[in-house]
C-alpha atoms as a PDB file:
ATOM      1  CA  GLN A   1      81.126 101.585 128.453  1.00  0.00           C
ATOM      2  CA  VAL A   2      83.047  99.471 126.089  1.00  0.00           C
ATOM      3  CA  GLN A   3      82.085  98.633 122.591  1.00  0.00           C
ATOM      4  CA  LEU A   4      83.550  95.294 121.172  1.00  0.00           C
ATOM      5  CA  VAL A   5      83.380  94.782 117.178  1.00  0.00           C
ATOM      6  CA  GLU A   6      84.508  91.377 115.794  1.00  0.00           C
ATOM      7  CA  SER A   7      85.502  90.576 112.390  1.00  0.00           C
ATOM      8  CA  GLY A   8      87.391  88.064 110.420  1.00  0.00           C
ATOM      9  CA  GLY A   9      85.045  85.021 110.503  1.00  0.00           C
ATOM     10  CA  GLY A  10      84.034  83.224 107.461  1.00  0.00           C
ATOM     11  CA  LEU A  11      83.819  79.651 105.787  1.00  0.00           C
ATOM     12  CA  VAL A  12      86.842  77.840 105.471  1.00  0.00           C
ATOM     13  CA  GLN A  13      87.811  74.163 104.623  1.00  0.00           C
ATOM     14  CA  ALA A  14      89.437  72.062 107.384  1.00  0.00           C
ATOM     15  CA  GLY A  15      92.953  72.541 107.833  1.00  0.00           C
ATOM     16  CA  ASN A  16      92.981  76.204 106.871  1.00  0.00           C
ATOM     17  CA  SER A  17      93.465  79.108 109.070  1.00  0.00           C
ATOM     18  CA  LEU A  18      91.487  82.151 110.020  1.00  0.00           C
ATOM     19  CA  ARG A  19      92.447  85.290 112.052  1.00  0.00           C
ATOM     20  CA  LEU A  20      89.703  86.942 114.238  1.00  0.00           C
ATOM     21  CA  SER A  21      89.976  90.634 115.316  1.00  0.00           C
ATOM     22  CA  CYS A  22      88.135  92.363 118.195  1.00  0.00           C
ATOM     23  CA  ALA A  23      88.344  96.094 118.100  1.00  0.00           C
ATOM     24  CA  ALA A  24      87.543  97.826 121.375  1.00  0.00           C
ATOM     25  CA  SER A  25      86.287 101.449 121.785  1.00  0.00           C
ATOM     26  CA  GLY A  26      85.265 103.547 124.710  1.00  0.00           C
ATOM     27  CA  ARG A  27      86.611 103.312 128.203  1.00  0.00           C
ATOM     28  CA  THR A  28      89.119 100.687 127.181  1.00  0.00           C
ATOM     29  CA  SER A  29      91.773 102.063 129.889  1.00  0.00           C
ATOM     30  CA  SER A  30      89.596 100.210 132.604  1.00  0.00           C
ATOM     31  CA  THR A  31      89.774  96.883 130.900  1.00  0.00           C
ATOM     32  CA  PHE A  32      91.868  94.216 132.910  1.00  0.00           C
ATOM     33  CA  ASN A  33      91.238  91.189 130.603  1.00  0.00           C
ATOM     34  CA  MET A  34      89.920  90.270 127.212  1.00  0.00           C
ATOM     35  CA  ALA A  35      88.784  86.794 125.913  1.00  0.00           C
ATOM     36  CA  TRP A  36      87.338  84.922 122.941  1.00  0.00           C
ATOM     37  CA  PHE A  37      84.389  82.553 123.631  1.00  0.00           C
ATOM     38  CA  ARG A  38      82.410  80.283 121.094  1.00  0.00           C
ATOM     39  CA  GLN A  39      78.826  79.060 121.123  1.00  0.00           C
ATOM     40  CA  THR A  40      76.962  76.691 119.135  1.00  0.00           C
ATOM     41  CA  PRO A  41      73.179  76.103 119.090  1.00  0.00           C
ATOM     42  CA  GLY A  42      71.865  74.473 122.267  1.00  0.00           C
ATOM     43  CA  LYS A  43      75.138  74.717 124.052  1.00  0.00           C
ATOM     44  CA  GLU A  44      76.658  77.175 126.593  1.00  0.00           C
ATOM     45  CA  ARG A  45      79.169  79.733 125.642  1.00  0.00           C
ATOM     46  CA  GLU A  46      82.551  78.095 125.772  1.00  0.00           C
ATOM     47  CA  PHE A  47      85.799  79.774 126.719  1.00  0.00           C
ATOM     48  CA  VAL A  48      88.415  79.653 123.855  1.00  0.00           C
ATOM     49  CA  ALA A  49      91.385  81.906 124.882  1.00  0.00           C
ATOM     50  CA  GLY A  50      91.946  84.945 127.090  1.00  0.00           C
ATOM     51  CA  ILE A  51      94.768  87.689 127.566  1.00  0.00           C
ATOM     52  CA  ARG A  52      95.415  90.300 130.264  1.00  0.00           C
ATOM     53  CA  TRP A  53      95.500  93.539 128.761  1.00  0.00           C
ATOM     54  CA  SER A  54      98.509  94.682 130.977  1.00  0.00           C
ATOM     55  CA  GLY A  55     101.359  92.162 130.898  1.00  0.00           C
ATOM     56  CA  GLY A  56     100.007  90.109 128.313  1.00  0.00           C
ATOM     57  CA  GLY A  57      99.558  86.708 130.274  1.00  0.00           C
ATOM     58  CA  THR A  58      97.434  84.407 128.384  1.00  0.00           C
ATOM     59  CA  SER A  59      95.152  81.291 129.034  1.00  0.00           C
ATOM     60  CA  THR A  60      93.866  78.787 126.228  1.00  0.00           C
ATOM     61  CA  ALA A  61      91.353  76.092 126.216  1.00  0.00           C
ATOM     62  CA  ASP A  62      93.149  72.579 126.125  1.00  0.00           C
ATOM     63  CA  SER A  63      90.659  71.890 123.059  1.00  0.00           C
ATOM     64  CA  VAL A  64      92.489  74.573 121.002  1.00  0.00           C
ATOM     65  CA  LYS A  65      95.800  75.070 122.700  1.00  0.00           C
ATOM     66  CA  ASP A  66      97.925  73.527 120.034  1.00  0.00           C
ATOM     67  CA  ARG A  67      96.065  75.415 117.151  1.00  0.00           C
ATOM     68  CA  PHE A  68      94.934  78.775 118.434  1.00  0.00           C
ATOM     69  CA  THR A  69      96.753  81.823 119.620  1.00  0.00           C
ATOM     70  CA  ILE A  70      95.484  85.061 121.160  1.00  0.00           C
ATOM     71  CA  SER A  71      97.413  88.149 121.050  1.00  0.00           C
ATOM     72  CA  ARG A  72      96.914  91.973 121.540  1.00  0.00           C
ATOM     73  CA  GLU A  73      97.889  95.112 120.100  1.00  0.00           C
ATOM     74  CA  ASN A  74      97.368  97.895 122.745  1.00  0.00           C
ATOM     75  CA  ALA A  75      97.942 100.771 120.449  1.00  0.00           C
ATOM     76  CA  LYS A  76      94.952  99.666 118.190  1.00  0.00           C
ATOM     77  CA  ASN A  77      92.856  98.490 121.304  1.00  0.00           C
ATOM     78  CA  THR A  78      92.666  95.085 119.364  1.00  0.00           C
ATOM     79  CA  VAL A  79      92.748  91.583 120.288  1.00  0.00           C
ATOM     80  CA  TYR A  80      93.371  88.872 117.666  1.00  0.00           C
ATOM     81  CA  LEU A  81      92.659  85.277 117.749  1.00  0.00           C
ATOM     82  CA  GLN A  82      94.970  83.277 115.169  1.00  0.00           C
ATOM     83  CA  MET A  83      93.154  79.875 114.301  1.00  0.00           C
ATOM     84  CA  ASN A  84      95.223  77.256 112.528  1.00  0.00           C
ATOM     85  CA  ASN A  85      94.388  73.753 111.360  1.00  0.00           C
ATOM     86  CA  LEU A  86      90.753  74.607 111.719  1.00  0.00           C
ATOM     87  CA  LYS A  87      88.464  71.471 112.197  1.00  0.00           C
ATOM     88  CA  PRO A  88      84.694  71.174 111.568  1.00  0.00           C
ATOM     89  CA  GLU A  89      84.152  71.078 115.269  1.00  0.00           C
ATOM     90  CA  ASP A  90      85.479  74.662 115.591  1.00  0.00           C
ATOM     91  CA  THR A  91      82.372  75.756 113.736  1.00  0.00           C
ATOM     92  CA  ALA A  92      80.608  78.335 116.032  1.00  0.00           C
ATOM     93  CA  ILE A  93      79.844  81.899 116.637  1.00  0.00           C
ATOM     94  CA  TYR A  94      82.942  83.688 118.176  1.00  0.00           C
ATOM     95  CA  TYR A  95      82.509  86.407 120.639  1.00  0.00           C
ATOM     96  CA  CYS A  96      84.855  88.829 122.095  1.00  0.00           C
ATOM     97  CA  ALA A  97      84.466  89.923 125.773  1.00  0.00           C
ATOM     98  CA  ALA A  98      86.098  92.407 128.136  1.00  0.00           C
ATOM     99  CA  ASP A  99      86.374  92.043 131.921  1.00  0.00           C
ATOM    100  CA  GLN A 100      86.842  95.373 133.817  1.00  0.00           C
ATOM    101  CA  ARG A 101      86.377  94.033 137.244  1.00  0.00           C
ATOM    102  CA  SER A 102      88.896  91.110 137.773  1.00  0.00           C
ATOM    103  CA  PHE A 103      92.645  91.109 138.177  1.00  0.00           C
ATOM    104  CA  VAL A 104      92.374  87.404 137.716  1.00  0.00           C
ATOM    105  CA  LEU A 105      92.009  86.021 134.042  1.00  0.00           C
ATOM    106  CA  TYR A 106      88.826  84.045 134.366  1.00  0.00           C
ATOM    107  CA  ARG A 107      87.353  81.491 131.963  1.00  0.00           C
ATOM    108  CA  GLU A 108      83.890  81.741 133.193  1.00  0.00           C
ATOM    109  CA  SER A 109      81.677  84.086 130.785  1.00  0.00           C
ATOM    110  CA  ARG A 110      79.899  85.623 133.813  1.00  0.00           C
ATOM    111  CA  ARG A 111      83.022  87.335 134.691  1.00  0.00           C
ATOM    112  CA  TYR A 112      82.951  89.463 131.515  1.00  0.00           C
ATOM    113  CA  ASP A 113      81.164  92.748 131.399  1.00  0.00           C
ATOM    114  CA  TYR A 114      81.025  93.550 127.711  1.00  0.00           C
ATOM    115  CA  TRP A 115      80.468  91.350 124.632  1.00  0.00           C
ATOM    116  CA  GLY A 116      80.852  91.879 120.971  1.00  0.00           C
ATOM    117  CA  GLN A 117      78.061  91.017 118.603  1.00  0.00           C
ATOM    118  CA  GLY A 118      79.906  87.709 117.352  1.00  0.00           C
ATOM    119  CA  THR A 119      81.364  86.375 114.189  1.00  0.00           C
ATOM    120  CA  GLN A 120      80.398  83.227 112.431  1.00  0.00           C
ATOM    121  CA  VAL A 121      83.222  80.698 111.658  1.00  0.00           C
ATOM    122  CA  THR A 122      82.160  77.669 109.603  1.00  0.00           C
ATOM    123  CA  VAL A 123      84.465  74.854 108.960  1.00  0.00           C
ATOM    124  CA  SER A 124      83.665  72.507 106.194  1.00  0.00           C
ATOM    125  CA  SER A 125      85.085  68.965 106.048  1.00  0.00           C
END
């Protein structure tokens, strides 16, 4: 079992930045990949960015590629999502997820085994 706890969400004005954190605990040694997803009411959960726990390869959605950066700090079992130049359309609940089955870094939510409770990000215009 892996427990994931997100933090760092909040209300910001458009153009500002936020950094989300996801602290993992439990059987983290079995984790291959971690990712951030986001979801708004009535829509499916959307992949934002992912990172391989070993080696650090990343994948980022085109919609945020120039503004968001995912990183990890293995010693702290923590993954970060640096979000710059935020836009109102970035408003969503952001979820952290861990994949302990796949060597490939997938973008599909069904590939991920564990999820955090989510953190709300609201961007005002």
